[in-house]
Amino acid sequence: QVQLVESGGGLVQAGGSLRLSCTASGRTLSSYAMGWFRQAPGREREFVTAMNWSGSNTFYSDSVKGRFTISRDNAKNTVYLQLNNLKPEDTAVYLCAASPGNGIYDYWGQGTQVTVTS
């Protein structure tokens, strides 16, 4: 079992930045692909970004490309999401998830709230 805990969310003005962290316990993350998703009130969960186990491949949704950056530190069992140039439409609960590499995310965190004011 993998337990994931996100942190780093908060309230920020448009144009600001935040850095989210996702720390794992129970098992090392080094063999998992990691993803970040978000869910705004009344909307479906949305893919944001993902990275393979080694960090050599990354994927971003068009809505965040060029503004958000995913990274990982396997030694710390932690994945990060740097959010820059935030917009009000980025307001959501951000969740990290772990996949064994088959595209199916088996483990999810509880999420951290990001609120962007105009």
PDB file of N, CA and C in Angstrom:
ATOM      1  N   GLN A   1       0.825  -1.191   0.000  1.00  0.00           N
ATOM      2  CA  GLN A   1       0.000   0.000   0.000  1.00  0.00           C
ATOM      3  C   GLN A   1       0.868   1.254   0.000  1.00  0.00           C
ATOM      4  N   VAL A   2       0.382   2.252  -0.680  1.00  0.00           N
ATOM      5  CA  VAL A   2       1.067   3.537  -0.728  1.00  0.00           C
ATOM      6  C   VAL A   2       0.120   4.590  -0.172  1.00  0.00           C
ATOM      7  N   GLN A   3       0.589   5.345   0.784  1.00  0.00           N
ATOM      8  CA  GLN A   3      -0.189   6.468   1.302  1.00  0.00           C
ATOM      9  C   GLN A   3       0.436   7.760   0.778  1.00  0.00           C
ATOM     10  N   LEU A   4      -0.409   8.602   0.226  1.00  0.00           N
ATOM     11  CA  LEU A   4       0.056   9.865  -0.363  1.00  0.00           C
ATOM     12  C   LEU A   4      -0.556  11.038   0.393  1.00  0.00           C
ATOM     13  N   VAL A   5       0.268  12.010   0.711  1.00  0.00           N
ATOM     14  CA  VAL A   5      -0.205  13.198   1.418  1.00  0.00           C
ATOM     15  C   VAL A   5       0.284  14.438   0.688  1.00  0.00           C
ATOM     16  N   GLU A   6      -0.670  15.251   0.249  1.00  0.00           N
ATOM     17  CA  GLU A   6      -0.333  16.503  -0.425  1.00  0.00           C
ATOM     18  C   GLU A   6      -0.250  17.645   0.569  1.00  0.00           C
ATOM     19  N   SER A   7       0.532  18.641   0.223  1.00  0.00           N
ATOM     20  CA  SER A   7       0.635  19.848   1.023  1.00  0.00           C
ATOM     21  C   SER A   7       1.053  20.995   0.126  1.00  0.00           C
ATOM     22  N   GLY A   8       0.959  22.220   0.656  1.00  0.00           N
ATOM     23  CA  GLY A   8       1.437  23.375  -0.081  1.00  0.00           C
ATOM     24  C   GLY A   8       0.365  24.228  -0.713  1.00  0.00           C
ATOM     25  N   GLY A   9      -0.888  23.793  -0.641  1.00  0.00           N
ATOM     26  CA  GLY A   9      -1.946  24.602  -1.205  1.00  0.00           C
ATOM     27  C   GLY A   9      -2.172  25.863  -0.404  1.00  0.00           C
ATOM     28  N   GLY A  10      -3.008  26.746  -0.940  1.00  0.00           N
ATOM     29  CA  GLY A  10      -3.299  27.974  -0.237  1.00  0.00           C
ATOM     30  C   GLY A  10      -4.058  28.952  -1.092  1.00  0.00           C
ATOM     31  N   LEU A  11      -4.113  30.179  -0.594  1.00  0.00           N
ATOM     32  CA  LEU A  11      -4.811  31.272  -1.272  1.00  0.00           C
ATOM     33  C   LEU A  11      -3.758  32.192  -1.885  1.00  0.00           C
ATOM     34  N   VAL A  12      -3.908  32.483  -3.163  1.00  0.00           N
ATOM     35  CA  VAL A  12      -2.922  33.307  -3.860  1.00  0.00           C
ATOM     36  C   VAL A  12      -3.631  34.183  -4.882  1.00  0.00           C
ATOM     37  N   GLN A  13      -3.050  35.333  -5.146  1.00  0.00           N
ATOM     38  CA  GLN A  13      -3.612  36.217  -6.165  1.00  0.00           C
ATOM     39  C   GLN A  13      -3.208  35.747  -7.555  1.00  0.00           C
ATOM     40  N   ALA A  14      -4.006  36.125  -8.510  1.00  0.00           N
ATOM     41  CA  ALA A  14      -3.696  35.801  -9.904  1.00  0.00           C
ATOM     42  C   ALA A  14      -2.299  36.303 -10.249  1.00  0.00           C
ATOM     43  N   GLY A  15      -1.553  35.456 -10.975  1.00  0.00           N
ATOM     44  CA  GLY A  15      -0.180  35.773 -11.304  1.00  0.00           C
ATOM     45  C   GLY A  15       0.829  35.248 -10.310  1.00  0.00           C
ATOM     46  N   GLY A  16       0.348  34.786  -9.180  1.00  0.00           N
ATOM     47  CA  GLY A  16       1.224  34.274  -8.137  1.00  0.00           C
ATOM     48  C   GLY A  16       1.642  32.835  -8.369  1.00  0.00           C
ATOM     49  N   SER A  17       2.379  32.311  -7.408  1.00  0.00           N
ATOM     50  CA  SER A  17       2.933  30.962  -7.525  1.00  0.00           C
ATOM     51  C   SER A  17       2.708  30.175  -6.236  1.00  0.00           C
ATOM     52  N   LEU A  18       2.672  28.876  -6.393  1.00  0.00           N
ATOM     53  CA  LEU A  18       2.642  27.945  -5.274  1.00  0.00           C
ATOM     54  C   LEU A  18       3.463  26.725  -5.649  1.00  0.00           C
ATOM     55  N   ARG A  19       3.939  26.020  -4.630  1.00  0.00           N
ATOM     56  CA  ARG A  19       4.609  24.745  -4.848  1.00  0.00           C
ATOM     57  C   ARG A  19       3.924  23.692  -4.004  1.00  0.00           C
ATOM     58  N   LEU A  20       3.360  22.719  -4.677  1.00  0.00           N
ATOM     59  CA  LEU A  20       2.702  21.612  -4.002  1.00  0.00           C
ATOM     60  C   LEU A  20       3.675  20.447  -3.843  1.00  0.00           C
ATOM     61  N   SER A  21       3.503  19.731  -2.752  1.00  0.00           N
ATOM     62  CA  SER A  21       4.299  18.528  -2.505  1.00  0.00           C
ATOM     63  C   SER A  21       3.380  17.343  -2.291  1.00  0.00           C
ATOM     64  N   CYS A  22       3.861  16.190  -2.654  1.00  0.00           N
ATOM     65  CA  CYS A  22       3.145  14.937  -2.448  1.00  0.00           C
ATOM     66  C   CYS A  22       4.155  13.940  -1.908  1.00  0.00           C
ATOM     67  N   THR A  23       4.000  13.599  -0.646  1.00  0.00           N
ATOM     68  CA  THR A  23       4.955  12.710   0.007  1.00  0.00           C
ATOM     69  C   THR A  23       4.308  11.352   0.252  1.00  0.00           C
ATOM     70  N   ALA A  24       5.064  10.318  -0.037  1.00  0.00           N
ATOM     71  CA  ALA A  24       4.550   8.962   0.072  1.00  0.00           C
ATOM     72  C   ALA A  24       5.128   8.249   1.288  1.00  0.00           C
ATOM     73  N   SER A  25       4.332   7.325   1.791  1.00  0.00           N
ATOM     74  CA  SER A  25       4.800   6.420   2.829  1.00  0.00           C
ATOM     75  C   SER A  25       4.258   5.038   2.532  1.00  0.00           C
ATOM     76  N   GLY A  26       4.882   4.044   3.105  1.00  0.00           N
ATOM     77  CA  GLY A  26       4.422   2.678   2.912  1.00  0.00           C
ATOM     78  C   GLY A  26       5.160   1.933   1.826  1.00  0.00           C
ATOM     79  N   ARG A  27       5.643   2.661   0.843  1.00  0.00           N
ATOM     80  CA  ARG A  27       6.377   2.039  -0.252  1.00  0.00           C
ATOM     81  C   ARG A  27       7.125   3.136  -0.999  1.00  0.00           C
ATOM     82  N   THR A  28       8.244   2.756  -1.587  1.00  0.00           N
ATOM     83  CA  THR A  28       8.991   3.753  -2.337  1.00  0.00           C
ATOM     84  C   THR A  28       8.275   4.120  -3.626  1.00  0.00           C
ATOM     85  N   LEU A  29       8.366   5.384  -3.999  1.00  0.00           N
ATOM     86  CA  LEU A  29       7.728   5.865  -5.221  1.00  0.00           C
ATOM     87  C   LEU A  29       8.578   5.654  -6.463  1.00  0.00           C
ATOM     88  N   SER A  30       9.795   5.177  -6.276  1.00  0.00           N
ATOM     89  CA  SER A  30      10.739   5.156  -7.396  1.00  0.00           C
ATOM     90  C   SER A  30      10.288   4.276  -8.553  1.00  0.00           C
ATOM     91  N   SER A  31       9.382   3.330  -8.306  1.00  0.00           N
ATOM     92  CA  SER A  31       8.924   2.464  -9.390  1.00  0.00           C
ATOM     93  C   SER A  31       7.561   2.872  -9.930  1.00  0.00           C
ATOM     94  N   TYR A  32       7.044   4.012  -9.484  1.00  0.00           N
ATOM     95  CA  TYR A  32       5.719   4.458  -9.891  1.00  0.00           C
ATOM     96  C   TYR A  32       5.789   5.684 -10.782  1.00  0.00           C
ATOM     97  N   ALA A  33       4.916   5.703 -11.775  1.00  0.00           N
ATOM     98  CA  ALA A  33       4.629   6.959 -12.455  1.00  0.00           C
ATOM     99  C   ALA A  33       3.727   7.774 -11.535  1.00  0.00           C
ATOM    100  N   MET A  34       3.926   9.083 -11.569  1.00  0.00           N
ATOM    101  CA  MET A  34       3.159   9.952 -10.681  1.00  0.00           C
ATOM    102  C   MET A  34       2.392  10.989 -11.480  1.00  0.00           C
ATOM    103  N   GLY A  35       1.206  11.287 -11.013  1.00  0.00           N
ATOM    104  CA  GLY A  35       0.390  12.273 -11.697  1.00  0.00           C
ATOM    105  C   GLY A  35      -0.226  13.251 -10.722  1.00  0.00           C
ATOM    106  N   TRP A  36      -0.578  14.404 -11.263  1.00  0.00           N
ATOM    107  CA  TRP A  36      -1.355  15.397 -10.526  1.00  0.00           C
ATOM    108  C   TRP A  36      -2.661  15.618 -11.282  1.00  0.00           C
ATOM    109  N   PHE A  37      -3.722  15.672 -10.524  1.00  0.00           N
ATOM    110  CA  PHE A  37      -5.050  15.929 -11.054  1.00  0.00           C
ATOM    111  C   PHE A  37      -5.655  17.065 -10.242  1.00  0.00           C
ATOM    112  N   ARG A  38      -6.748  17.619 -10.736  1.00  0.00           N
ATOM    113  CA  ARG A  38      -7.446  18.644  -9.967  1.00  0.00           C
ATOM    114  C   ARG A  38      -8.943  18.512 -10.179  1.00  0.00           C
ATOM    115  N   GLN A  39      -9.671  18.982  -9.183  1.00  0.00           N
ATOM    116  CA  GLN A  39     -11.127  18.942  -9.271  1.00  0.00           C
ATOM    117  C   GLN A  39     -11.688  20.212  -8.672  1.00  0.00           C
ATOM    118  N   ALA A  40     -12.404  20.943  -9.503  1.00  0.00           N
ATOM    119  CA  ALA A  40     -13.076  22.159  -9.071  1.00  0.00           C
ATOM    120  C   ALA A  40     -14.516  21.820  -8.697  1.00  0.00           C
ATOM    121  N   PRO A  41     -15.149  22.634  -7.862  1.00  0.00           N
ATOM    122  CA  PRO A  41     -16.532  22.357  -7.443  1.00  0.00           C
ATOM    123  C   PRO A  41     -17.456  22.231  -8.651  1.00  0.00           C
ATOM    124  N   GLY A  42     -18.238  21.161  -8.672  1.00  0.00           N
ATOM    125  CA  GLY A  42     -19.200  20.963  -9.738  1.00  0.00           C
ATOM    126  C   GLY A  42     -18.614  20.482 -11.042  1.00  0.00           C
ATOM    127  N   ARG A  43     -17.321  20.174 -11.030  1.00  0.00           N
ATOM    128  CA  ARG A  43     -16.674  19.733 -12.269  1.00  0.00           C
ATOM    129  C   ARG A  43     -16.019  18.378 -12.068  1.00  0.00           C
ATOM    130  N   GLU A  44     -15.771  17.687 -13.165  1.00  0.00           N
ATOM    131  CA  GLU A  44     -15.128  16.381 -13.096  1.00  0.00           C
ATOM    132  C   GLU A  44     -13.640  16.543 -12.814  1.00  0.00           C
ATOM    133  N   ARG A  45     -13.062  15.483 -12.294  1.00  0.00           N
ATOM    134  CA  ARG A  45     -11.622  15.471 -12.059  1.00  0.00           C
ATOM    135  C   ARG A  45     -10.897  15.628 -13.384  1.00  0.00           C
ATOM    136  N   GLU A  46      -9.853  16.427 -13.371  1.00  0.00           N
ATOM    137  CA  GLU A  46      -9.149  16.788 -14.602  1.00  0.00           C
ATOM    138  C   GLU A  46      -7.676  16.433 -14.483  1.00  0.00           C
ATOM    139  N   PHE A  47      -7.119  15.831 -15.498  1.00  0.00           N
ATOM    140  CA  PHE A  47      -5.691  15.543 -15.539  1.00  0.00           C
ATOM    141  C   PHE A  47      -4.916  16.856 -15.667  1.00  0.00           C
ATOM    142  N   VAL A  48      -3.838  16.970 -14.900  1.00  0.00           N
ATOM    143  CA  VAL A  48      -2.991  18.150 -14.962  1.00  0.00           C
ATOM    144  C   VAL A  48      -1.621  17.808 -15.569  1.00  0.00           C
ATOM    145  N   THR A  49      -0.944  16.843 -14.971  1.00  0.00           N
ATOM    146  CA  THR A  49       0.396  16.509 -15.431  1.00  0.00           C
ATOM    147  C   THR A  49       0.790  15.141 -14.887  1.00  0.00           C
ATOM    148  N   ALA A  50       1.777  14.523 -15.533  1.00  0.00           N
ATOM    149  CA  ALA A  50       2.279  13.232 -15.076  1.00  0.00           C
ATOM    150  C   ALA A  50       3.749  13.098 -15.449  1.00  0.00           C
ATOM    151  N   MET A  51       4.409  12.221 -14.703  1.00  0.00           N
ATOM    152  CA  MET A  51       5.829  11.974 -14.947  1.00  0.00           C
ATOM    153  C   MET A  51       6.090  10.486 -14.769  1.00  0.00           C
ATOM    154  N   ASN A  52       6.951   9.915 -15.617  1.00  0.00           N
ATOM    155  CA  ASN A  52       7.253   8.488 -15.475  1.00  0.00           C
ATOM    156  C   ASN A  52       8.164   8.268 -14.267  1.00  0.00           C
ATOM    157  N   TRP A  53       8.459   7.004 -14.002  1.00  0.00           N
ATOM    158  CA  TRP A  53       9.149   6.677 -12.760  1.00  0.00           C
ATOM    159  C   TRP A  53      10.527   7.319 -12.673  1.00  0.00           C
ATOM    160  N   SER A  54      11.204   7.473 -13.787  1.00  0.00           N
ATOM    161  CA  SER A  54      12.573   7.996 -13.759  1.00  0.00           C
ATOM    162  C   SER A  54      12.623   9.512 -13.875  1.00  0.00           C
ATOM    163  N   GLY A  55      11.491  10.100 -14.290  1.00  0.00           N
ATOM    164  CA  GLY A  55      11.492  11.544 -14.521  1.00  0.00           C
ATOM    165  C   GLY A  55      11.896  11.939 -15.912  1.00  0.00           C
ATOM    166  N   SER A  56      12.120  10.973 -16.791  1.00  0.00           N
ATOM    167  CA  SER A  56      12.600  11.286 -18.135  1.00  0.00           C
ATOM    168  C   SER A  56      11.483  11.716 -19.076  1.00  0.00           C
ATOM    169  N   ASN A  57      10.244  11.396 -18.727  1.00  0.00           N
ATOM    170  CA  ASN A  57       9.099  11.782 -19.559  1.00  0.00           C
ATOM    171  C   ASN A  57       8.060  12.505 -18.720  1.00  0.00           C
ATOM    172  N   THR A  58       7.574  13.620 -19.256  1.00  0.00           N
ATOM    173  CA  THR A  58       6.519  14.367 -18.587  1.00  0.00           C
ATOM    174  C   THR A  58       5.412  14.696 -19.579  1.00  0.00           C
ATOM    175  N   PHE A  59       4.223  14.881 -19.053  1.00  0.00           N
ATOM    176  CA  PHE A  59       3.052  15.177 -19.859  1.00  0.00           C
ATOM    177  C   PHE A  59       2.252  16.263 -19.138  1.00  0.00           C
ATOM    178  N   TYR A  60       1.722  17.193 -19.921  1.00  0.00           N
ATOM    179  CA  TYR A  60       0.963  18.299 -19.340  1.00  0.00           C
ATOM    180  C   TYR A  60      -0.331  18.501 -20.138  1.00  0.00           C
ATOM    181  N   SER A  61      -1.366  18.908 -19.422  1.00  0.00           N
ATOM    182  CA  SER A  61      -2.571  19.323 -20.124  1.00  0.00           C
ATOM    183  C   SER A  61      -2.296  20.669 -20.790  1.00  0.00           C
ATOM    184  N   ASP A  62      -3.019  20.943 -21.836  1.00  0.00           N
ATOM    185  CA  ASP A  62      -2.807  22.205 -22.559  1.00  0.00           C
ATOM    186  C   ASP A  62      -3.074  23.419 -21.670  1.00  0.00           C
ATOM    187  N   SER A  63      -3.975  23.258 -20.712  1.00  0.00           N
ATOM    188  CA  SER A  63      -4.361  24.401 -19.887  1.00  0.00           C
ATOM    189  C   SER A  63      -3.256  24.840 -18.923  1.00  0.00           C
ATOM    190  N   VAL A  64      -2.293  23.960 -18.655  1.00  0.00           N
ATOM    191  CA  VAL A  64      -1.244  24.316 -17.688  1.00  0.00           C
ATOM    192  C   VAL A  64       0.140  24.322 -18.314  1.00  0.00           C
ATOM    193  N   LYS A  65       0.259  23.877 -19.531  1.00  0.00           N
ATOM    194  CA  LYS A  65       1.565  23.778 -20.177  1.00  0.00           C
ATOM    195  C   LYS A  65       2.243  25.144 -20.206  1.00  0.00           C
ATOM    196  N   GLY A  66       3.499  25.168 -19.804  1.00  0.00           N
ATOM    197  CA  GLY A  66       4.243  26.419 -19.764  1.00  0.00           C
ATOM    198  C   GLY A  66       4.107  27.178 -18.462  1.00  0.00           C
ATOM    199  N   ARG A  67       3.168  26.770 -17.617  1.00  0.00           N
ATOM    200  CA  ARG A  67       2.977  27.448 -16.326  1.00  0.00           C
ATOM    201  C   ARG A  67       3.266  26.518 -15.144  1.00  0.00           C
ATOM    202  N   PHE A  68       2.961  25.253 -15.285  1.00  0.00           N
ATOM    203  CA  PHE A  68       3.144  24.280 -14.204  1.00  0.00           C
ATOM    204  C   PHE A  68       4.317  23.365 -14.543  1.00  0.00           C
ATOM    205  N   THR A  69       5.022  22.904 -13.506  1.00  0.00           N
ATOM    206  CA  THR A  69       6.132  21.983 -13.702  1.00  0.00           C
ATOM    207  C   THR A  69       6.087  20.881 -12.658  1.00  0.00           C
ATOM    208  N   ILE A  70       6.118  19.654 -13.132  1.00  0.00           N
ATOM    209  CA  ILE A  70       6.169  18.505 -12.235  1.00  0.00           C
ATOM    210  C   ILE A  70       7.623  18.075 -12.076  1.00  0.00           C
ATOM    211  N   SER A  71       7.962  17.644 -10.874  1.00  0.00           N
ATOM    212  CA  SER A  71       9.292  17.118 -10.629  1.00  0.00           C
ATOM    213  C   SER A  71       9.189  16.078  -9.515  1.00  0.00           C
ATOM    214  N   ARG A  72      10.251  15.314  -9.352  1.00  0.00           N
ATOM    215  CA  ARG A  72      10.229  14.301  -8.309  1.00  0.00           C
ATOM    216  C   ARG A  72      11.608  14.125  -7.712  1.00  0.00           C
ATOM    217  N   ASP A  73      11.607  13.763  -6.446  1.00  0.00           N
ATOM    218  CA  ASP A  73      12.837  13.437  -5.736  1.00  0.00           C
ATOM    219  C   ASP A  73      12.608  12.063  -5.125  1.00  0.00           C
ATOM    220  N   ASN A  74      13.049  11.045  -5.815  1.00  0.00           N
ATOM    221  CA  ASN A  74      12.791   9.684  -5.346  1.00  0.00           C
ATOM    222  C   ASN A  74      13.484   9.396  -4.020  1.00  0.00           C
ATOM    223  N   ALA A  75      14.582  10.060  -3.771  1.00  0.00           N
ATOM    224  CA  ALA A  75      15.283   9.855  -2.497  1.00  0.00           C
ATOM    225  C   ALA A  75      14.434  10.339  -1.322  1.00  0.00           C
ATOM    226  N   LYS A  76      13.613  11.356  -1.582  1.00  0.00           N
ATOM    227  CA  LYS A  76      12.732  11.886  -0.544  1.00  0.00           C
ATOM    228  C   LYS A  76      11.321  11.328  -0.644  1.00  0.00           C
ATOM    229  N   ASN A  77      11.125  10.443  -1.636  1.00  0.00           N
ATOM    230  CA  ASN A  77       9.788   9.865  -1.838  1.00  0.00           C
ATOM    231  C   ASN A  77       8.728  10.940  -2.015  1.00  0.00           C
ATOM    232  N   THR A  78       9.088  11.968  -2.760  1.00  0.00           N
ATOM    233  CA  THR A  78       8.220  13.128  -2.892  1.00  0.00           C
ATOM    234  C   THR A  78       8.152  13.582  -4.346  1.00  0.00           C
ATOM    235  N   VAL A  79       6.966  14.012  -4.721  1.00  0.00           N
ATOM    236  CA  VAL A  79       6.727  14.596  -6.034  1.00  0.00           C
ATOM    237  C   VAL A  79       6.251  16.028  -5.807  1.00  0.00           C
ATOM    238  N   TYR A  80       6.660  16.910  -6.704  1.00  0.00           N
ATOM    239  CA  TYR A  80       6.326  18.317  -6.565  1.00  0.00           C
ATOM    240  C   TYR A  80       5.545  18.807  -7.775  1.00  0.00           C
ATOM    241  N   LEU A  81       4.783  19.856  -7.551  1.00  0.00           N
ATOM    242  CA  LEU A  81       4.125  20.551  -8.648  1.00  0.00           C
ATOM    243  C   LEU A  81       4.307  22.044  -8.407  1.00  0.00           C
ATOM    244  N   GLN A  82       5.105  22.657  -9.284  1.00  0.00           N
ATOM    245  CA  GLN A  82       5.313  24.097  -9.227  1.00  0.00           C
ATOM    246  C   GLN A  82       4.249  24.774 -10.087  1.00  0.00           C
ATOM    247  N   LEU A  83       3.490  25.652  -9.475  1.00  0.00           N
ATOM    248  CA  LEU A  83       2.415  26.347 -10.169  1.00  0.00           C
ATOM    249  C   LEU A  83       2.806  27.825 -10.285  1.00  0.00           C
ATOM    250  N   ASN A  84       3.006  28.283 -11.508  1.00  0.00           N
ATOM    251  CA  ASN A  84       3.362  29.679 -11.756  1.00  0.00           C
ATOM    252  C   ASN A  84       2.284  30.375 -12.575  1.00  0.00           C
ATOM    253  N   ASN A  85       2.278  31.683 -12.503  1.00  0.00           N
ATOM    254  CA  ASN A  85       1.318  32.487 -13.264  1.00  0.00           C
ATOM    255  C   ASN A  85      -0.099  31.948 -13.089  1.00  0.00           C
ATOM    256  N   LEU A  86      -0.487  31.782 -11.853  1.00  0.00           N
ATOM    257  CA  LEU A  86      -1.789  31.177 -11.559  1.00  0.00           C
ATOM    258  C   LEU A  86      -2.935  32.063 -12.010  1.00  0.00           C
ATOM    259  N   LYS A  87      -3.999  31.405 -12.407  1.00  0.00           N
ATOM    260  CA  LYS A  87      -5.201  32.078 -12.879  1.00  0.00           C
ATOM    261  C   LYS A  87      -6.382  31.646 -12.012  1.00  0.00           C
ATOM    262  N   PRO A  88      -7.428  32.458 -11.930  1.00  0.00           N
ATOM    263  CA  PRO A  88      -8.604  32.061 -11.130  1.00  0.00           C
ATOM    264  C   PRO A  88      -9.171  30.709 -11.550  1.00  0.00           C
ATOM    265  N   GLU A  89      -9.075  30.368 -12.821  1.00  0.00           N
ATOM    266  CA  GLU A  89      -9.603  29.080 -13.281  1.00  0.00           C
ATOM    267  C   GLU A  89      -8.753  27.895 -12.834  1.00  0.00           C
ATOM    268  N   ASP A  90      -7.616  28.160 -12.207  1.00  0.00           N
ATOM    269  CA  ASP A  90      -6.812  27.085 -11.636  1.00  0.00           C
ATOM    270  C   ASP A  90      -7.307  26.687 -10.244  1.00  0.00           C
ATOM    271  N   THR A  91      -8.266  27.414  -9.715  1.00  0.00           N
ATOM    272  CA  THR A  91      -8.813  27.094  -8.400  1.00  0.00           C
ATOM    273  C   THR A  91      -9.427  25.700  -8.398  1.00  0.00           C
ATOM    274  N   ALA A  92      -8.950  24.870  -7.474  1.00  0.00           N
ATOM    275  CA  ALA A  92      -9.410  23.479  -7.402  1.00  0.00           C
ATOM    276  C   ALA A  92      -8.711  22.786  -6.241  1.00  0.00           C
ATOM    277  N   VAL A  93      -9.180  21.591  -5.953  1.00  0.00           N
ATOM    278  CA  VAL A  93      -8.439  20.683  -5.084  1.00  0.00           C
ATOM    279  C   VAL A  93      -7.467  19.910  -5.973  1.00  0.00           C
ATOM    280  N   TYR A  94      -6.212  19.925  -5.593  1.00  0.00           N
ATOM    281  CA  TYR A  94      -5.171  19.249  -6.372  1.00  0.00           C
ATOM    282  C   TYR A  94      -4.808  17.951  -5.668  1.00  0.00           C
ATOM    283  N   LEU A  95      -4.830  16.863  -6.439  1.00  0.00           N
ATOM    284  CA  LEU A  95      -4.570  15.530  -5.905  1.00  0.00           C
ATOM    285  C   LEU A  95      -3.403  14.894  -6.648  1.00  0.00           C
ATOM    286  N   CYS A  96      -2.566  14.210  -5.901  1.00  0.00           N
ATOM    287  CA  CYS A  96      -1.527  13.430  -6.557  1.00  0.00           C
ATOM    288  C   CYS A  96      -1.943  11.958  -6.550  1.00  0.00           C
ATOM    289  N   ALA A  97      -1.376  11.211  -7.475  1.00  0.00           N
ATOM    290  CA  ALA A  97      -1.728   9.813  -7.617  1.00  0.00           C
ATOM    291  C   ALA A  97      -0.527   9.033  -8.142  1.00  0.00           C
ATOM    292  N   ALA A  98      -0.494   7.744  -7.819  1.00  0.00           N
ATOM    293  CA  ALA A  98       0.604   6.873  -8.221  1.00  0.00           C
ATOM    294  C   ALA A  98       0.085   5.752  -9.100  1.00  0.00           C
ATOM    295  N   SER A  99       0.856   5.479 -10.160  1.00  0.00           N
ATOM    296  CA  SER A  99       0.501   4.431 -11.104  1.00  0.00           C
ATOM    297  C   SER A  99       1.695   3.491 -11.283  1.00  0.00           C
ATOM    298  N   PRO A 100       1.439   2.187 -11.389  1.00  0.00           N
ATOM    299  CA  PRO A 100       2.544   1.260 -11.641  1.00  0.00           C
ATOM    300  C   PRO A 100       3.075   1.347 -13.063  1.00  0.00           C
ATOM    301  N   GLY A 101       2.538   2.239 -13.867  1.00  0.00           N
ATOM    302  CA  GLY A 101       3.049   2.460 -15.214  1.00  0.00           C
ATOM    303  C   GLY A 101       2.121   2.003 -16.310  1.00  0.00           C
ATOM    304  N   ASN A 102       0.934   1.537 -15.917  1.00  0.00           N
ATOM    305  CA  ASN A 102      -0.029   1.065 -16.919  1.00  0.00           C
ATOM    306  C   ASN A 102      -1.112   2.096 -17.218  1.00  0.00           C
ATOM    307  N   GLY A 103      -0.923   3.297 -16.716  1.00  0.00           N
ATOM    308  CA  GLY A 103      -1.913   4.334 -16.960  1.00  0.00           C
ATOM    309  C   GLY A 103      -3.059   4.344 -15.980  1.00  0.00           C
ATOM    310  N   ILE A 104      -3.084   3.373 -15.099  1.00  0.00           N
ATOM    311  CA  ILE A 104      -4.132   3.306 -14.078  1.00  0.00           C
ATOM    312  C   ILE A 104      -3.541   3.753 -12.751  1.00  0.00           C
ATOM    313  N   TYR A 105      -4.176   4.722 -12.149  1.00  0.00           N
ATOM    314  CA  TYR A 105      -3.679   5.270 -10.886  1.00  0.00           C
ATOM    315  C   TYR A 105      -4.347   4.526  -9.731  1.00  0.00           C
ATOM    316  N   ASP A 106      -3.537   3.787  -9.017  1.00  0.00           N
ATOM    317  CA  ASP A 106      -4.064   2.926  -7.960  1.00  0.00           C
ATOM    318  C   ASP A 106      -4.156   3.627  -6.613  1.00  0.00           C
ATOM    319  N   TYR A 107      -3.315   4.617  -6.407  1.00  0.00           N
ATOM    320  CA  TYR A 107      -3.239   5.267  -5.105  1.00  0.00           C
ATOM    321  C   TYR A 107      -3.428   6.768  -5.266  1.00  0.00           C
ATOM    322  N   TRP A 108      -4.229   7.324  -4.360  1.00  0.00           N
ATOM    323  CA  TRP A 108      -4.574   8.739  -4.416  1.00  0.00           C
ATOM    324  C   TRP A 108      -4.386   9.385  -3.060  1.00  0.00           C
ATOM    325  N   GLY A 109      -3.983  10.654  -3.076  1.00  0.00           N
ATOM    326  CA  GLY A 109      -3.968  11.428  -1.864  1.00  0.00           C
ATOM    327  C   GLY A 109      -5.319  12.074  -1.626  1.00  0.00           C
ATOM    328  N   GLN A 110      -5.417  12.793  -0.505  1.00  0.00           N
ATOM    329  CA  GLN A 110      -6.674  13.446  -0.140  1.00  0.00           C
ATOM    330  C   GLN A 110      -6.848  14.780  -0.838  1.00  0.00           C
ATOM    331  N   GLY A 111      -5.760  15.373  -1.278  1.00  0.00           N
ATOM    332  CA  GLY A 111      -5.847  16.628  -1.991  1.00  0.00           C
ATOM    333  C   GLY A 111      -5.472  17.829  -1.148  1.00  0.00           C
ATOM    334  N   THR A 112      -5.098  18.891  -1.831  1.00  0.00           N
ATOM    335  CA  THR A 112      -4.804  20.163  -1.181  1.00  0.00           C
ATOM    336  C   THR A 112      -5.470  21.276  -1.985  1.00  0.00           C
ATOM    337  N   GLN A 113      -6.099  22.208  -1.291  1.00  0.00           N
ATOM    338  CA  GLN A 113      -6.891  23.251  -1.940  1.00  0.00           C
ATOM    339  C   GLN A 113      -6.002  24.374  -2.444  1.00  0.00           C
ATOM    340  N   VAL A 114      -6.213  24.745  -3.689  1.00  0.00           N
ATOM    341  CA  VAL A 114      -5.572  25.924  -4.276  1.00  0.00           C
ATOM    342  C   VAL A 114      -6.672  26.885  -4.690  1.00  0.00           C
ATOM    343  N   THR A 115      -6.609  28.103  -4.174  1.00  0.00           N
ATOM    344  CA  THR A 115      -7.604  29.115  -4.502  1.00  0.00           C
ATOM    345  C   THR A 115      -6.882  30.339  -5.051  1.00  0.00           C
ATOM    346  N   VAL A 116      -7.272  30.740  -6.247  1.00  0.00           N
ATOM    347  CA  VAL A 116      -6.643  31.881  -6.913  1.00  0.00           C
ATOM    348  C   VAL A 116      -7.671  32.992  -7.053  1.00  0.00           C
ATOM    349  N   THR A 117      -7.368  34.151  -6.500  1.00  0.00           N
ATOM    350  CA  THR A 117      -8.279  35.291  -6.565  1.00  0.00           C
ATOM    351  C   THR A 117      -7.844  36.253  -7.662  1.00  0.00           C
ATOM    352  N   SER A 118      -8.831  36.917  -8.225  1.00  0.00           N
ATOM    353  CA  SER A 118      -8.529  37.865  -9.310  1.00  0.00           C
ATOM    354  C   SER A 118      -8.236  39.243  -8.761  1.00  0.00           C
TER     355      SER A 118
END
